[in-house]
Amino acid sequence: MNLPNHGPMRATPSEESWMVDRLRKSSLYRLYRQAFQDATGLPLTLISTGPASSVPDHQPFCRHLNETTKRCSHCLAAHRELRTSAHASGEAVTKTCFAALTNTVVPVRMGSKPIAFLETGQEMLTPPEENTLGRLQALCQDMRFSPSEFSALMSAYLATPVYELERYQAAVVLLRIFARQLSDELNRILLQTDGVEPRIVTQAKDYIWAHLEENVRLADVAANGHVSIYYFCRLFKATVGMTFTEYLGRQRVELAKRLLLESRLPVTQIAYDVGFQSLSQFNRSFLRYAGESPTCYRHDARRTEATA
């Protein structure tokens, strides 16, 4: 059974956790994560949008700073601010912490709402300055580190390599592209068949796909399965995790996405070719399920590819 749904585009925290877990387990994420790390040398994790309760520990310095019971409140506050900014803007956000280490999070969206972040960083992009070292020393004094702890911490910090700024910026562009691909993957996950659904639901999906470009009516789909509309609606939502109308809209939007990227057809023609009855209906549905207008989707995807 697919994701349970409590209303269109209103995922609960448990549902968001389910989606993030499915994305982490997807072959697309696992393959890209390994390729990204091998190519850039940067870490990559997929995290939920919930409140940050811990900080990344990609660098030895950060592990040293947070592995004791003292834990650094500055690190946690900076990480929370990073997530909050990315969630509010819906865009990639890069921030540099008090220790001159740079972190980036890139939202992965379901429609217009971020449901996860791709996170990388804890990289030093410029050599540390004297005032930065002074802040670290003052912080260690405030946290009552012992002389041996302070020595180990500073040794780890000074051993942190400096990552080239241009390479880091290029890596962030790659993550923006991948975030879009993960959003598309999430839509495919929500629409996929798990192989154990009732025959009536499988027949309905086949009927919808075969008549996607037509005016698909609920009554016709139910009649094709020889069941009442009431029974079909209950069974379909319980099995698929979304209403018939939402499933139909998502399928049409997914087809429209491919046409927007793979053809030069006008948006208006694509709208009618995938089965929408008006351009305004198409624009509303596309914005709802893709998080942006069809024109912006086509433009942003091509601009991102050109940048890469």
C-alpha atoms as a PDB file:
ATOM      1  CA  MET A   1       0.000   0.000   0.000  1.00  0.00           C
ATOM      2  CA  ASN A   2       1.248   3.451  -0.846  1.00  0.00           C
ATOM      3  CA  LEU A   3       1.402   6.492   1.397  1.00  0.00           C
ATOM      4  CA  PRO A   4      -1.766   7.198   3.423  1.00  0.00           C
ATOM      5  CA  ASN A   5      -3.129  10.639   2.731  1.00  0.00           C
ATOM      6  CA  HIS A   6      -5.086  12.974   4.979  1.00  0.00           C
ATOM      7  CA  GLY A   7      -5.904  15.526   2.306  1.00  0.00           C
ATOM      8  CA  PRO A   8      -4.272  16.776  -0.859  1.00  0.00           C
ATOM      9  CA  MET A   9      -0.723  18.080  -0.382  1.00  0.00           C
ATOM     10  CA  ARG A  10      -0.997  17.987   3.448  1.00  0.00           C
ATOM     11  CA  ALA A  11       1.485  15.387   4.617  1.00  0.00           C
ATOM     12  CA  THR A  12       1.716  14.733   8.345  1.00  0.00           C
ATOM     13  CA  PRO A  13       5.145  14.418  10.044  1.00  0.00           C
ATOM     14  CA  SER A  14       4.870  10.619   9.907  1.00  0.00           C
ATOM     15  CA  GLU A  15       4.022  10.760   6.206  1.00  0.00           C
ATOM     16  CA  GLU A  16       6.959  13.073   5.545  1.00  0.00           C
ATOM     17  CA  SER A  17       9.205  10.660   7.420  1.00  0.00           C
ATOM     18  CA  TRP A  18       7.890   7.829   5.222  1.00  0.00           C
ATOM     19  CA  MET A  19       8.667   9.823   2.069  1.00  0.00           C
ATOM     20  CA  VAL A  20      12.187  10.755   3.190  1.00  0.00           C
ATOM     21  CA  ASP A  21      12.872   7.129   4.096  1.00  0.00           C
ATOM     22  CA  ARG A  22      11.681   5.958   0.664  1.00  0.00           C
ATOM     23  CA  LEU A  23      13.905   8.529  -1.040  1.00  0.00           C
ATOM     24  CA  ARG A  24      16.927   7.444   1.024  1.00  0.00           C
ATOM     25  CA  LYS A  25      16.335   3.839  -0.008  1.00  0.00           C
ATOM     26  CA  SER A  26      15.799   4.663  -3.686  1.00  0.00           C
ATOM     27  CA  SER A  27      18.454   3.513  -6.129  1.00  0.00           C
ATOM     28  CA  LEU A  28      18.534   7.031  -7.598  1.00  0.00           C
ATOM     29  CA  TYR A  29      19.602   8.594  -4.269  1.00  0.00           C
ATOM     30  CA  ARG A  30      22.097   5.892  -3.372  1.00  0.00           C
ATOM     31  CA  LEU A  31      23.743   6.002  -6.806  1.00  0.00           C
ATOM     32  CA  TYR A  32      23.931   9.794  -6.919  1.00  0.00           C
ATOM     33  CA  ARG A  33      25.177  10.082  -3.327  1.00  0.00           C
ATOM     34  CA  GLN A  34      28.091   7.780  -4.026  1.00  0.00           C
ATOM     35  CA  ALA A  35      28.901   9.477  -7.348  1.00  0.00           C
ATOM     36  CA  PHE A  36      28.697  12.952  -5.771  1.00  0.00           C
ATOM     37  CA  GLN A  37      31.017  12.006  -2.926  1.00  0.00           C
ATOM     38  CA  ASP A  38      33.496  10.290  -5.251  1.00  0.00           C
ATOM     39  CA  ALA A  39      33.542  13.218  -7.707  1.00  0.00           C
ATOM     40  CA  THR A  40      33.633  16.131  -5.248  1.00  0.00           C
ATOM     41  CA  GLY A  41      35.038  14.678  -2.056  1.00  0.00           C
ATOM     42  CA  LEU A  42      32.158  16.331  -0.215  1.00  0.00           C
ATOM     43  CA  PRO A  43      29.745  14.566   2.155  1.00  0.00           C
ATOM     44  CA  LEU A  44      26.080  14.273   1.236  1.00  0.00           C
ATOM     45  CA  THR A  45      23.117  13.389   3.427  1.00  0.00           C
ATOM     46  CA  LEU A  46      19.349  13.533   3.011  1.00  0.00           C
ATOM     47  CA  ILE A  47      17.682  14.864   6.152  1.00  0.00           C
ATOM     48  CA  SER A  48      14.117  15.610   7.170  1.00  0.00           C
ATOM     49  CA  THR A  49      12.798  19.138   7.597  1.00  0.00           C
ATOM     50  CA  GLY A  50      12.008  18.612  11.268  1.00  0.00           C
ATOM     51  CA  PRO A  51      13.731  20.592  14.042  1.00  0.00           C
ATOM     52  CA  ALA A  52      17.479  19.949  14.183  1.00  0.00           C
ATOM     53  CA  SER A  53      18.406  17.958  17.300  1.00  0.00           C
ATOM     54  CA  SER A  54      22.006  17.290  16.279  1.00  0.00           C
ATOM     55  CA  VAL A  55      24.656  18.716  13.995  1.00  0.00           C
ATOM     56  CA  PRO A  56      26.611  17.064  11.188  1.00  0.00           C
ATOM     57  CA  ASP A  57      30.027  15.694  12.107  1.00  0.00           C
ATOM     58  CA  HIS A  58      31.681  15.382   8.712  1.00  0.00           C
ATOM     59  CA  GLN A  59      34.893  17.076   9.858  1.00  0.00           C
ATOM     60  CA  PRO A  60      37.077  15.818  12.755  1.00  0.00           C
ATOM     61  CA  PHE A  61      36.936  19.299  14.287  1.00  0.00           C
ATOM     62  CA  CYS A  62      33.137  19.186  14.537  1.00  0.00           C
ATOM     63  CA  ARG A  63      33.222  15.695  16.014  1.00  0.00           C
ATOM     64  CA  HIS A  64      35.724  16.831  18.643  1.00  0.00           C
ATOM     65  CA  LEU A  65      33.624  19.886  19.435  1.00  0.00           C
ATOM     66  CA  ASN A  66      30.369  17.967  19.890  1.00  0.00           C
ATOM     67  CA  GLU A  67      31.370  14.501  21.066  1.00  0.00           C
ATOM     68  CA  THR A  68      31.426  15.421  24.744  1.00  0.00           C
ATOM     69  CA  THR A  69      28.446  16.099  27.004  1.00  0.00           C
ATOM     70  CA  LYS A  70      29.213  19.807  26.669  1.00  0.00           C
ATOM     71  CA  ARG A  71      28.060  19.980  23.032  1.00  0.00           C
ATOM     72  CA  CYS A  72      28.232  23.297  21.213  1.00  0.00           C
ATOM     73  CA  SER A  73      25.013  25.330  21.335  1.00  0.00           C
ATOM     74  CA  HIS A  74      26.442  27.649  18.659  1.00  0.00           C
ATOM     75  CA  CYS A  75      26.674  24.728  16.201  1.00  0.00           C
ATOM     76  CA  LEU A  76      23.104  23.619  16.827  1.00  0.00           C
ATOM     77  CA  ALA A  77      21.751  27.169  16.573  1.00  0.00           C
ATOM     78  CA  ALA A  78      23.593  27.750  13.285  1.00  0.00           C
ATOM     79  CA  HIS A  79      22.293  24.471  11.878  1.00  0.00           C
ATOM     80  CA  ARG A  80      18.722  25.306  12.854  1.00  0.00           C
ATOM     81  CA  GLU A  81      19.017  28.747  11.267  1.00  0.00           C
ATOM     82  CA  LEU A  82      20.294  27.134   8.060  1.00  0.00           C
ATOM     83  CA  ARG A  83      17.293  24.789   7.871  1.00  0.00           C
ATOM     84  CA  THR A  84      14.832  27.531   8.762  1.00  0.00           C
ATOM     85  CA  SER A  85      16.138  29.803   6.010  1.00  0.00           C
ATOM     86  CA  ALA A  86      16.008  27.042   3.390  1.00  0.00           C
ATOM     87  CA  HIS A  87      12.506  26.006   4.454  1.00  0.00           C
ATOM     88  CA  ALA A  88      11.221  29.581   4.303  1.00  0.00           C
ATOM     89  CA  SER A  89      12.783  30.398   0.936  1.00  0.00           C
ATOM     90  CA  GLY A  90      12.401  26.991  -0.712  1.00  0.00           C
ATOM     91  CA  GLU A  91      15.852  27.560  -2.214  1.00  0.00           C
ATOM     92  CA  ALA A  92      19.409  26.405  -1.575  1.00  0.00           C
ATOM     93  CA  VAL A  93      20.974  28.240   1.377  1.00  0.00           C
ATOM     94  CA  THR A  94      24.669  28.418   2.245  1.00  0.00           C
ATOM     95  CA  LYS A  95      25.946  29.789   5.538  1.00  0.00           C
ATOM     96  CA  THR A  96      29.327  30.027   7.222  1.00  0.00           C
ATOM     97  CA  CYS A  97      29.475  29.317  10.958  1.00  0.00           C
ATOM     98  CA  PHE A  98      31.506  31.038  13.675  1.00  0.00           C
ATOM     99  CA  ALA A  99      34.399  28.639  12.962  1.00  0.00           C
ATOM    100  CA  ALA A 100      34.511  29.694   9.261  1.00  0.00           C
ATOM    101  CA  LEU A 101      33.144  26.339   8.088  1.00  0.00           C
ATOM    102  CA  THR A 102      30.586  26.513   5.288  1.00  0.00           C
ATOM    103  CA  ASN A 103      27.410  24.388   5.136  1.00  0.00           C
ATOM    104  CA  THR A 104      24.697  24.148   2.461  1.00  0.00           C
ATOM    105  CA  VAL A 105      21.201  22.697   2.438  1.00  0.00           C
ATOM    106  CA  VAL A 106      19.097  22.298  -0.708  1.00  0.00           C
ATOM    107  CA  PRO A 107      15.339  21.685  -0.328  1.00  0.00           C
ATOM    108  CA  VAL A 108      13.688  18.659  -1.910  1.00  0.00           C
ATOM    109  CA  ARG A 109      10.064  19.654  -2.473  1.00  0.00           C
ATOM    110  CA  MET A 110       6.721  17.951  -2.735  1.00  0.00           C
ATOM    111  CA  GLY A 111       4.871  20.535  -4.759  1.00  0.00           C
ATOM    112  CA  SER A 112       5.863  23.869  -3.232  1.00  0.00           C
ATOM    113  CA  LYS A 113       6.609  22.462   0.224  1.00  0.00           C
ATOM    114  CA  PRO A 114      10.096  21.271   1.240  1.00  0.00           C
ATOM    115  CA  ILE A 115       9.884  17.758   2.714  1.00  0.00           C
ATOM    116  CA  ALA A 116      13.632  17.075   2.963  1.00  0.00           C
ATOM    117  CA  PHE A 117      17.036  18.699   2.579  1.00  0.00           C
ATOM    118  CA  LEU A 118      20.156  17.613   0.750  1.00  0.00           C
ATOM    119  CA  GLU A 119      22.981  18.661   3.042  1.00  0.00           C
ATOM    120  CA  THR A 120      26.680  19.064   2.363  1.00  0.00           C
ATOM    121  CA  GLY A 121      29.553  21.120   3.652  1.00  0.00           C
ATOM    122  CA  GLN A 122      31.406  21.715   6.889  1.00  0.00           C
ATOM    123  CA  GLU A 123      34.148  22.868   4.566  1.00  0.00           C
ATOM    124  CA  MET A 124      36.697  25.596   5.078  1.00  0.00           C
ATOM    125  CA  LEU A 125      36.689  27.768   1.946  1.00  0.00           C
ATOM    126  CA  THR A 126      39.362  30.244   3.099  1.00  0.00           C
ATOM    127  CA  PRO A 127      42.291  29.835   5.505  1.00  0.00           C
ATOM    128  CA  PRO A 128      41.353  30.700   9.111  1.00  0.00           C
ATOM    129  CA  GLU A 129      42.103  34.234  10.267  1.00  0.00           C
ATOM    130  CA  GLU A 130      43.420  35.278  13.657  1.00  0.00           C
ATOM    131  CA  ASN A 131      40.064  36.607  14.852  1.00  0.00           C
ATOM    132  CA  THR A 132      38.470  33.219  14.043  1.00  0.00           C
ATOM    133  CA  LEU A 133      41.094  31.424  16.120  1.00  0.00           C
ATOM    134  CA  GLY A 134      40.445  33.906  18.917  1.00  0.00           C
ATOM    135  CA  ARG A 135      36.702  33.136  18.857  1.00  0.00           C
ATOM    136  CA  LEU A 136      37.426  29.430  19.062  1.00  0.00           C
ATOM    137  CA  GLN A 137      39.713  29.892  22.019  1.00  0.00           C
ATOM    138  CA  ALA A 138      37.095  31.992  23.834  1.00  0.00           C
ATOM    139  CA  LEU A 139      34.410  29.407  23.064  1.00  0.00           C
ATOM    140  CA  CYS A 140      36.538  26.581  24.471  1.00  0.00           C
ATOM    141  CA  GLN A 141      37.103  28.590  27.630  1.00  0.00           C
ATOM    142  CA  ASP A 142      33.362  29.206  28.002  1.00  0.00           C
ATOM    143  CA  MET A 143      32.688  25.477  27.502  1.00  0.00           C
ATOM    144  CA  ARG A 144      35.401  24.646  30.067  1.00  0.00           C
ATOM    145  CA  PHE A 145      37.462  22.389  27.849  1.00  0.00           C
ATOM    146  CA  SER A 146      40.548  20.961  29.527  1.00  0.00           C
ATOM    147  CA  PRO A 147      43.979  21.856  28.091  1.00  0.00           C
ATOM    148  CA  SER A 148      44.230  18.434  26.442  1.00  0.00           C
ATOM    149  CA  GLU A 149      40.735  18.752  24.943  1.00  0.00           C
ATOM    150  CA  PHE A 150      41.555  22.226  23.649  1.00  0.00           C
ATOM    151  CA  SER A 151      44.809  20.991  22.116  1.00  0.00           C
ATOM    152  CA  ALA A 152      43.054  18.133  20.322  1.00  0.00           C
ATOM    153  CA  LEU A 153      40.316  20.457  19.113  1.00  0.00           C
ATOM    154  CA  MET A 154      42.705  23.039  17.687  1.00  0.00           C
ATOM    155  CA  SER A 155      44.854  20.367  16.061  1.00  0.00           C
ATOM    156  CA  ALA A 156      41.777  18.997  14.299  1.00  0.00           C
ATOM    157  CA  TYR A 157      40.715  22.498  13.262  1.00  0.00           C
ATOM    158  CA  LEU A 158      44.079  23.507  11.831  1.00  0.00           C
ATOM    159  CA  ALA A 159      44.251  20.205   9.944  1.00  0.00           C
ATOM    160  CA  THR A 160      40.944  20.930   8.164  1.00  0.00           C
ATOM    161  CA  PRO A 161      41.717  21.255   4.442  1.00  0.00           C
ATOM    162  CA  VAL A 162      40.700  24.367   2.504  1.00  0.00           C
ATOM    163  CA  TYR A 163      38.211  23.502  -0.246  1.00  0.00           C
ATOM    164  CA  GLU A 164      38.325  25.568  -3.429  1.00  0.00           C
ATOM    165  CA  LEU A 165      35.420  28.040  -3.547  1.00  0.00           C
ATOM    166  CA  GLU A 166      34.650  27.563  -7.251  1.00  0.00           C
ATOM    167  CA  ARG A 167      34.494  23.781  -6.846  1.00  0.00           C
ATOM    168  CA  TYR A 168      32.158  24.159  -3.882  1.00  0.00           C
ATOM    169  CA  GLN A 169      29.821  26.454  -5.816  1.00  0.00           C
ATOM    170  CA  ALA A 170      29.771  23.978  -8.707  1.00  0.00           C
ATOM    171  CA  ALA A 171      28.901  21.168  -6.296  1.00  0.00           C
ATOM    172  CA  VAL A 172      25.932  23.185  -5.005  1.00  0.00           C
ATOM    173  CA  VAL A 173      24.666  23.542  -8.584  1.00  0.00           C
ATOM    174  CA  LEU A 174      24.817  19.759  -8.919  1.00  0.00           C
ATOM    175  CA  LEU A 175      22.773  19.412  -5.733  1.00  0.00           C
ATOM    176  CA  ARG A 176      20.130  21.811  -7.037  1.00  0.00           C
ATOM    177  CA  ILE A 177      19.768  19.644 -10.135  1.00  0.00           C
ATOM    178  CA  PHE A 178      19.602  16.495  -8.029  1.00  0.00           C
ATOM    179  CA  ALA A 179      16.980  18.012  -5.705  1.00  0.00           C
ATOM    180  CA  ARG A 180      14.693  18.498  -8.710  1.00  0.00           C
ATOM    181  CA  GLN A 181      15.299  14.902  -9.758  1.00  0.00           C
ATOM    182  CA  LEU A 182      14.467  13.678  -6.259  1.00  0.00           C
ATOM    183  CA  SER A 183      11.229  15.678  -6.314  1.00  0.00           C
ATOM    184  CA  ASP A 184      10.309  13.918  -9.554  1.00  0.00           C
ATOM    185  CA  GLU A 185      11.325  10.597  -8.004  1.00  0.00           C
ATOM    186  CA  LEU A 186       9.019  11.274  -5.064  1.00  0.00           C
ATOM    187  CA  ASN A 187       6.104  11.813  -7.441  1.00  0.00           C
ATOM    188  CA  ARG A 188       6.922   8.508  -9.140  1.00  0.00           C
ATOM    189  CA  ILE A 189       7.042   6.780  -5.755  1.00  0.00           C
ATOM    190  CA  LEU A 190       3.615   8.179  -4.870  1.00  0.00           C
ATOM    191  CA  LEU A 191       2.199   6.958  -8.195  1.00  0.00           C
ATOM    192  CA  GLN A 192       3.850   3.569  -8.372  1.00  0.00           C
ATOM    193  CA  THR A 193       2.095   0.215  -7.984  1.00  0.00           C
ATOM    194  CA  ASP A 194       3.286  -2.081  -5.213  1.00  0.00           C
ATOM    195  CA  GLY A 195       2.148  -5.288  -6.942  1.00  0.00           C
ATOM    196  CA  VAL A 196      -0.350  -6.389  -4.277  1.00  0.00           C
ATOM    197  CA  GLU A 197      -3.188  -3.965  -4.882  1.00  0.00           C
ATOM    198  CA  PRO A 198      -6.760  -5.122  -5.627  1.00  0.00           C
ATOM    199  CA  ARG A 199      -7.580  -6.001  -9.222  1.00  0.00           C
ATOM    200  CA  ILE A 200     -10.135  -3.173  -9.388  1.00  0.00           C
ATOM    201  CA  VAL A 201      -7.460  -0.583  -8.547  1.00  0.00           C
ATOM    202  CA  THR A 202      -5.013  -2.029 -11.090  1.00  0.00           C
ATOM    203  CA  GLN A 203      -7.737  -1.944 -13.748  1.00  0.00           C
ATOM    204  CA  ALA A 204      -8.538   1.645 -12.823  1.00  0.00           C
ATOM    205  CA  LYS A 205      -4.903   2.722 -13.187  1.00  0.00           C
ATOM    206  CA  ASP A 206      -4.656   0.993 -16.561  1.00  0.00           C
ATOM    207  CA  TYR A 207      -7.872   2.680 -17.692  1.00  0.00           C
ATOM    208  CA  ILE A 208      -6.667   6.094 -16.518  1.00  0.00           C
ATOM    209  CA  TRP A 209      -3.363   5.741 -18.358  1.00  0.00           C
ATOM    210  CA  ALA A 210      -5.023   4.510 -21.554  1.00  0.00           C
ATOM    211  CA  HIS A 211      -7.456   7.461 -21.555  1.00  0.00           C
ATOM    212  CA  LEU A 212      -5.210  10.091 -19.936  1.00  0.00           C
ATOM    213  CA  GLU A 213      -5.564  12.523 -22.825  1.00  0.00           C
ATOM    214  CA  GLU A 214      -9.353  12.305 -22.736  1.00  0.00           C
ATOM    215  CA  ASN A 215     -11.992  13.570 -20.324  1.00  0.00           C
ATOM    216  CA  VAL A 216     -11.622  10.745 -17.780  1.00  0.00           C
ATOM    217  CA  ARG A 217     -14.737  10.600 -15.597  1.00  0.00           C
ATOM    218  CA  LEU A 218     -14.962   8.924 -12.217  1.00  0.00           C
ATOM    219  CA  ALA A 219     -18.220   7.229 -13.197  1.00  0.00           C
ATOM    220  CA  ASP A 220     -16.606   5.658 -16.264  1.00  0.00           C
ATOM    221  CA  VAL A 221     -13.641   4.330 -14.288  1.00  0.00           C
ATOM    222  CA  ALA A 222     -15.909   2.805 -11.635  1.00  0.00           C
ATOM    223  CA  ALA A 223     -18.154   1.283 -14.302  1.00  0.00           C
ATOM    224  CA  ASN A 224     -15.115  -0.233 -16.007  1.00  0.00           C
ATOM    225  CA  GLY A 225     -14.417  -2.102 -12.762  1.00  0.00           C
ATOM    226  CA  HIS A 226     -18.100  -3.042 -12.341  1.00  0.00           C
ATOM    227  CA  VAL A 227     -18.385  -1.376  -8.924  1.00  0.00           C
ATOM    228  CA  SER A 228     -20.250   1.590  -7.513  1.00  0.00           C
ATOM    229  CA  ILE A 229     -18.645   5.020  -7.397  1.00  0.00           C
ATOM    230  CA  TYR A 230     -18.822   5.035  -3.593  1.00  0.00           C
ATOM    231  CA  TYR A 231     -17.098   1.676  -3.235  1.00  0.00           C
ATOM    232  CA  PHE A 232     -14.472   2.541  -5.843  1.00  0.00           C
ATOM    233  CA  CYS A 233     -13.564   5.860  -4.191  1.00  0.00           C
ATOM    234  CA  ARG A 234     -13.100   4.257  -0.786  1.00  0.00           C
ATOM    235  CA  LEU A 235     -11.076   1.352  -2.171  1.00  0.00           C
ATOM    236  CA  PHE A 236      -8.905   3.540  -4.401  1.00  0.00           C
ATOM    237  CA  LYS A 237      -7.958   5.998  -1.665  1.00  0.00           C
ATOM    238  CA  ALA A 238      -7.352   3.252   0.905  1.00  0.00           C
ATOM    239  CA  THR A 239      -5.063   1.443  -1.543  1.00  0.00           C
ATOM    240  CA  VAL A 240      -3.277   4.253  -3.367  1.00  0.00           C
ATOM    241  CA  GLY A 241      -3.153   6.833  -0.582  1.00  0.00           C
ATOM    242  CA  MET A 242      -4.774   9.613  -2.596  1.00  0.00           C
ATOM    243  CA  THR A 243      -8.115  10.350  -4.205  1.00  0.00           C
ATOM    244  CA  PHE A 244      -8.938   9.428  -7.786  1.00  0.00           C
ATOM    245  CA  THR A 245      -8.850  13.120  -8.746  1.00  0.00           C
ATOM    246  CA  GLU A 246      -5.410  13.685  -7.223  1.00  0.00           C
ATOM    247  CA  TYR A 247      -3.997  10.550  -8.839  1.00  0.00           C
ATOM    248  CA  LEU A 248      -5.330  11.607 -12.239  1.00  0.00           C
ATOM    249  CA  GLY A 249      -3.920  15.107 -11.822  1.00  0.00           C
ATOM    250  CA  ARG A 250      -0.493  13.831 -10.750  1.00  0.00           C
ATOM    251  CA  GLN A 251      -0.298  11.461 -13.720  1.00  0.00           C
ATOM    252  CA  ARG A 252      -1.160  14.246 -16.141  1.00  0.00           C
ATOM    253  CA  VAL A 253       1.368  16.603 -14.573  1.00  0.00           C
ATOM    254  CA  GLU A 254       4.097  13.939 -14.774  1.00  0.00           C
ATOM    255  CA  LEU A 255       3.385  13.461 -18.463  1.00  0.00           C
ATOM    256  CA  ALA A 256       3.374  17.239 -18.954  1.00  0.00           C
ATOM    257  CA  LYS A 257       6.783  17.508 -17.277  1.00  0.00           C
ATOM    258  CA  ARG A 258       8.300  15.120 -19.792  1.00  0.00           C
ATOM    259  CA  LEU A 259       6.751  17.007 -22.712  1.00  0.00           C
ATOM    260  CA  LEU A 260       7.971  20.346 -21.341  1.00  0.00           C
ATOM    261  CA  LEU A 261      11.542  19.073 -21.176  1.00  0.00           C
ATOM    262  CA  GLU A 262      11.650  16.834 -24.227  1.00  0.00           C
ATOM    263  CA  SER A 263       9.745  18.962 -26.735  1.00  0.00           C
ATOM    264  CA  ARG A 264       9.317  22.553 -27.813  1.00  0.00           C
ATOM    265  CA  LEU A 265       5.535  22.331 -27.860  1.00  0.00           C
ATOM    266  CA  PRO A 266       3.723  25.427 -26.534  1.00  0.00           C
ATOM    267  CA  VAL A 267       2.464  25.153 -22.963  1.00  0.00           C
ATOM    268  CA  THR A 268      -1.131  25.524 -24.141  1.00  0.00           C
ATOM    269  CA  GLN A 269      -0.846  22.569 -26.501  1.00  0.00           C
ATOM    270  CA  ILE A 270       0.770  20.419 -23.826  1.00  0.00           C
ATOM    271  CA  ALA A 271      -2.067  21.254 -21.444  1.00  0.00           C
ATOM    272  CA  TYR A 272      -4.666  19.879 -23.847  1.00  0.00           C
ATOM    273  CA  ASP A 273      -2.457  17.007 -25.024  1.00  0.00           C
ATOM    274  CA  VAL A 274      -2.247  15.569 -21.483  1.00  0.00           C
ATOM    275  CA  GLY A 275      -5.993  15.826 -20.911  1.00  0.00           C
ATOM    276  CA  PHE A 276      -6.670  19.116 -19.137  1.00  0.00           C
ATOM    277  CA  GLN A 277      -9.821  20.914 -20.236  1.00  0.00           C
ATOM    278  CA  SER A 278      -8.426  24.431 -19.920  1.00  0.00           C
ATOM    279  CA  LEU A 279      -5.100  26.209 -19.558  1.00  0.00           C
ATOM    280  CA  SER A 280      -6.100  27.649 -16.176  1.00  0.00           C
ATOM    281  CA  GLN A 281      -6.904  24.165 -14.862  1.00  0.00           C
ATOM    282  CA  PHE A 282      -3.545  22.930 -16.126  1.00  0.00           C
ATOM    283  CA  ASN A 283      -1.657  25.797 -14.483  1.00  0.00           C
ATOM    284  CA  ARG A 284      -3.391  25.251 -11.133  1.00  0.00           C
ATOM    285  CA  SER A 285      -2.695  21.524 -11.131  1.00  0.00           C
ATOM    286  CA  PHE A 286       0.905  21.943 -12.247  1.00  0.00           C
ATOM    287  CA  LEU A 287       1.586  24.519  -9.541  1.00  0.00           C
ATOM    288  CA  ARG A 288      -0.017  22.263  -6.955  1.00  0.00           C
ATOM    289  CA  TYR A 289       1.959  19.119  -7.782  1.00  0.00           C
ATOM    290  CA  ALA A 290       5.200  20.545  -9.208  1.00  0.00           C
ATOM    291  CA  GLY A 291       5.512  23.626  -7.016  1.00  0.00           C
ATOM    292  CA  GLU A 292       5.888  26.097  -9.901  1.00  0.00           C
ATOM    293  CA  SER A 293       4.234  27.085 -13.146  1.00  0.00           C
ATOM    294  CA  PRO A 294       4.811  25.024 -16.328  1.00  0.00           C
ATOM    295  CA  THR A 295       6.729  27.894 -17.924  1.00  0.00           C
ATOM    296  CA  CYS A 296       9.003  28.290 -14.895  1.00  0.00           C
ATOM    297  CA  TYR A 297       9.540  24.540 -14.714  1.00  0.00           C
ATOM    298  CA  ARG A 298      10.715  24.397 -18.324  1.00  0.00           C
ATOM    299  CA  HIS A 299      12.837  27.535 -17.974  1.00  0.00           C
ATOM    300  CA  ASP A 300      14.448  26.538 -14.647  1.00  0.00           C
ATOM    301  CA  ALA A 301      15.252  23.011 -15.796  1.00  0.00           C
ATOM    302  CA  ARG A 302      16.948  24.219 -18.969  1.00  0.00           C
ATOM    303  CA  ARG A 303      18.791  26.996 -17.142  1.00  0.00           C
ATOM    304  CA  THR A 304      20.046  24.520 -14.523  1.00  0.00           C
ATOM    305  CA  GLU A 305      21.233  22.131 -17.221  1.00  0.00           C
ATOM    306  CA  ALA A 306      23.013  24.980 -19.010  1.00  0.00           C
ATOM    307  CA  THR A 307      24.684  26.060 -15.762  1.00  0.00           C
ATOM    308  CA  ALA A 308      25.872  22.520 -15.113  1.00  0.00           C
END
